[in-house]
Protein backbone atom coordinates (compact mmCIF):
# COMPACT_ATOMS: atom_id res chain seq x y z
CA MET A 1 -20.07 -23.04 29.26
CA LEU A 2 -22.51 -22.09 26.51
CA ALA A 3 -21.59 -18.91 24.69
CA ASP A 4 -24.18 -16.15 24.63
CA ALA A 5 -23.66 -13.81 21.68
CA ARG A 6 -25.52 -10.84 23.17
CA ARG A 7 -23.79 -7.52 23.65
CA PHE A 8 -24.69 -5.65 26.81
CA PHE A 9 -24.68 -1.88 27.43
CA TYR A 10 -21.95 -0.59 29.76
CA ASP A 11 -21.92 3.17 29.09
CA THR A 12 -23.42 3.85 32.50
CA GLY A 13 -20.28 4.77 34.42
CA SER A 14 -20.83 2.01 36.97
CA LEU A 15 -20.91 -1.77 37.09
CA ALA A 16 -23.95 -1.58 39.38
CA LEU A 17 -25.83 0.60 36.88
CA ALA A 18 -24.81 -1.68 34.03
CA LEU A 19 -26.49 -4.53 35.92
CA VAL A 20 -29.58 -2.43 36.67
CA ASP A 21 -29.83 -1.58 32.98
CA THR A 22 -30.16 -5.23 31.96
CA VAL A 23 -33.91 -4.62 31.89
CA GLY A 24 -34.95 -2.72 28.80
CA ALA A 25 -37.85 -0.29 28.52
CA ARG A 26 -38.55 -0.14 32.27
CA GLY A 27 -41.15 2.54 31.64
CA ARG A 28 -43.32 0.11 29.68
CA PRO A 29 -45.54 -2.58 31.18
CA LEU A 30 -44.52 -6.22 31.02
CA SER A 31 -45.92 -7.67 27.82
CA PRO A 32 -44.81 -10.32 25.36
CA GLY A 33 -44.90 -8.10 22.26
CA GLY A 34 -43.10 -4.85 22.88
CA GLY A 35 -42.98 -4.09 26.54
CA ARG A 36 -40.29 -4.33 29.14
CA ARG A 37 -37.43 -6.69 28.22
CA GLU A 38 -35.36 -8.93 30.48
CA TYR A 39 -31.85 -9.26 29.08
CA LEU A 40 -30.61 -11.59 31.83
CA ASP A 41 -33.09 -14.27 30.88
CA SER A 42 -30.83 -17.28 31.35
CA PRO A 43 -27.75 -18.38 33.27
CA SER A 44 -25.73 -18.16 30.03
CA ALA A 45 -26.86 -14.52 29.58
CA LEU A 46 -25.68 -13.73 33.12
CA ALA A 47 -22.32 -15.40 32.42
CA ALA A 48 -21.98 -13.39 29.18
CA TRP A 49 -22.82 -10.16 31.03
CA ALA A 50 -20.20 -10.91 33.69
CA ARG A 51 -17.57 -11.79 31.10
CA GLN A 52 -18.23 -8.60 29.11
CA ALA A 53 -18.14 -6.57 32.34
CA GLY A 54 -14.64 -7.88 33.05
CA LEU A 55 -15.65 -10.04 36.00
CA GLY A 56 -14.14 -13.16 34.50
CA ALA A 57 -15.64 -16.37 33.34
CA GLY A 58 -16.48 -18.97 35.91
CA ARG A 59 -18.77 -21.94 35.75
CA LEU A 60 -22.23 -21.30 34.41
CA PRO A 61 -24.41 -19.87 37.21
CA ALA A 62 -27.29 -22.03 38.41
CA PRO A 63 -30.87 -20.83 37.81
CA ALA A 64 -31.18 -20.03 41.54
CA GLU A 65 -28.07 -17.83 41.32
CA LEU A 66 -29.58 -16.00 38.34
CA ARG A 67 -32.73 -15.32 40.39
CA GLN A 68 -30.55 -14.07 43.27
CA VAL A 69 -28.77 -11.60 40.97
CA GLN A 70 -32.11 -10.46 39.51
CA LEU A 71 -33.51 -9.96 43.03
CA LEU A 72 -30.52 -7.79 43.99
CA ARG A 73 -30.73 -5.91 40.68
CA GLU A 74 -34.38 -4.98 41.26
CA ALA A 75 -33.72 -3.94 44.87
CA ILE A 76 -30.85 -1.75 43.65
CA TYR A 77 -33.04 -0.17 40.98
CA ARG A 78 -35.70 0.75 43.53
CA LEU A 79 -33.07 2.08 45.97
CA LEU A 80 -31.47 4.24 43.29
CA ARG A 81 -34.85 5.57 42.14
CA ALA A 82 -35.60 6.44 45.77
CA ALA A 83 -32.29 8.32 45.93
CA LEU A 84 -33.10 10.21 42.70
CA GLU A 85 -36.57 11.07 43.92
CA ARG A 86 -35.35 11.88 47.45
CA ARG A 87 -37.86 9.56 49.09
CA PRO A 88 -37.44 6.84 51.71
CA PRO A 89 -36.56 3.41 50.34
CA ARG A 90 -38.39 0.18 50.97
CA PRO A 91 -36.86 -1.48 54.06
CA ARG A 92 -36.75 -4.87 52.30
CA ASP A 93 -34.59 -3.41 49.51
CA LEU A 94 -32.12 -2.06 52.06
CA THR A 95 -32.02 -5.47 53.73
CA ILE A 96 -31.26 -7.20 50.43
CA LEU A 97 -28.47 -4.73 49.62
CA ASN A 98 -26.97 -4.77 53.12
CA ARG A 99 -26.88 -8.56 53.14
CA ALA A 100 -24.94 -8.57 49.85
CA VAL A 101 -22.57 -5.85 51.13
CA ALA A 102 -21.93 -7.84 54.32
CA GLU A 103 -21.08 -10.95 52.29
CA ALA A 104 -18.45 -9.12 50.28
CA ALA A 105 -15.02 -10.52 50.96
CA PRO A 106 -12.54 -7.91 52.10
CA GLU A 107 -9.73 -7.06 49.75
CA PRO A 108 -6.98 -9.65 49.92
CA GLY A 109 -3.88 -8.83 51.87
CA ILE A 110 -0.50 -8.46 50.24
CA VAL A 111 2.52 -10.73 50.21
CA TRP A 112 6.15 -10.32 49.22
CA TYR A 113 6.78 -12.40 46.11
CA ARG A 114 9.92 -12.41 43.97
CA GLY A 115 11.06 -9.01 45.10
CA ALA A 116 7.74 -7.16 45.02
CA PHE A 117 4.51 -6.74 46.92
CA VAL A 118 1.61 -8.53 45.22
CA PRO A 119 -1.98 -9.22 46.25
CA ALA A 120 -2.39 -12.42 48.21
CA ARG A 121 -4.30 -15.10 46.38
CA ARG A 122 -7.99 -15.15 47.02
CA ARG A 123 -9.98 -18.27 47.39
CA ARG A 124 -12.06 -18.93 44.29
CA THR A 125 -15.61 -17.65 44.42
CA ARG A 126 -18.63 -18.50 42.32
CA LEU A 127 -19.27 -16.12 39.42
CA ALA A 128 -22.68 -15.13 40.80
CA GLN A 129 -21.11 -14.36 44.20
CA THR A 130 -18.52 -12.12 42.51
CA ILE A 131 -21.30 -10.24 40.73
CA LEU A 132 -23.39 -9.85 43.88
CA THR A 133 -20.57 -8.57 46.06
CA ARG A 134 -18.99 -6.22 43.50
CA VAL A 135 -22.33 -4.72 42.50
CA ALA A 136 -23.47 -4.36 46.12
CA ALA A 137 -20.26 -2.56 47.11
CA GLU A 138 -20.62 -0.15 44.17
CA THR A 139 -24.27 0.47 44.95
CA ARG A 140 -23.37 1.34 48.52
CA MET A 141 -21.01 4.03 47.22
CA LEU A 142 -23.61 5.34 44.74
CA LEU A 143 -26.22 5.68 47.48
CA LEU A 144 -23.80 7.48 49.78
CA ASP A 145 -23.13 10.04 47.02
CA PRO A 146 -25.83 10.04 44.33
CA SER A 147 -24.90 13.50 42.98
CA ALA A 148 -23.97 12.21 39.50
CA LEU A 149 -26.83 9.68 39.28
CA ARG A 150 -29.34 10.35 36.52
CA ALA A 151 -32.30 8.61 34.87
CA CYS A 152 -32.71 8.65 31.11
CA ALA A 153 -35.05 11.43 29.98
CA ASP A 154 -36.98 8.98 27.79
CA PRO A 155 -39.93 8.01 30.04
CA GLU A 156 -40.17 4.57 28.42
CA CYS A 157 -36.50 3.77 28.92
CA GLY A 158 -35.90 3.97 32.65
CA TRP A 159 -32.16 3.25 32.44
CA LEU A 160 -29.87 4.87 34.99
CA PHE A 161 -26.38 6.28 34.42
CA LEU A 162 -23.74 8.50 35.99
CA ASP A 163 -23.43 11.96 34.47
CA ARG A 164 -19.74 12.69 34.38
CA SER A 165 -20.04 15.38 31.71
CA GLN A 166 -18.41 18.69 32.52
CA ALA A 167 -21.68 20.63 32.55
CA ARG A 168 -23.63 17.81 34.28
CA ARG A 169 -26.39 18.09 31.67
CA ARG A 170 -26.45 14.62 30.14
CA ARG A 171 -30.07 13.61 29.57
CA TRP A 172 -29.95 10.29 27.75
CA CYS A 173 -28.59 6.89 28.66
CA SER A 174 -27.33 6.79 25.08
CA MET A 175 -27.49 9.56 22.53
CA ALA A 176 -27.37 6.91 19.80
CA GLU A 177 -30.56 5.28 21.11
CA CYS A 178 -32.86 7.35 23.32
CA GLY A 179 -31.43 10.73 22.32
CA ASN A 180 -31.88 10.07 18.61
CA ARG A 181 -35.40 8.72 19.14
CA ALA A 182 -36.33 11.91 21.01
CA LYS A 183 -34.84 14.09 18.26
CA ALA A 184 -36.77 12.12 15.61
CA ARG A 185 -40.04 12.49 17.58
CA ARG A 186 -39.44 16.22 17.92
CA PHE A 187 -38.67 16.51 14.20
CA ARG A 188 -41.80 14.55 13.21
CA GLY A 189 -43.88 16.70 15.58
CA THR A 190 -42.70 20.00 14.13
CA HIS A 191 -43.00 18.81 10.53
CA ALA A 192 -46.43 17.27 11.08
CA SER A 193 -47.79 20.63 12.25
CA VAL A 194 -46.24 22.38 9.21
CA ARG A 195 -47.97 19.94 6.80
CA GLU A 196 -51.42 20.54 8.30
């Protein structure tokens, strides 16, 4: 498998949200220069994301499997935005999610092995299938209780995260990125008016 040196962002509180946030600058239009960015732009990028997320390293996903993960990711994003905005979702997005949830293999049973209970061995699954089923199951839980779900306050960002802070007032996907940019904009705005 080809190694992909990218580092992905996982400070979302959820594997499903980490997948959703593999599109950067969702609030910007698609453009080659500085618009929205697709971080899962190749099968090797998807394999690197899965490895970094702790889902293991299987064979390199096929291009069709990458497109399948991207399709689920976009459906999840729209479903979560609908939950945040308290509006009905698109039926097609629910169908895509429900199909992935239905394909999830149940947890393996247990067996007695060398004096202890251990999980029964699972049949091997493709890496893309592992991603799809794990993310779909998590998304299902997020939609059933979206109380901690938040969108980054930076309108150009669009990343989603779970707010697990005690006061439930987290505003930024990352204080180091979007939070600092907002503080710098505010600083420049106040100092620009002082100079005039």
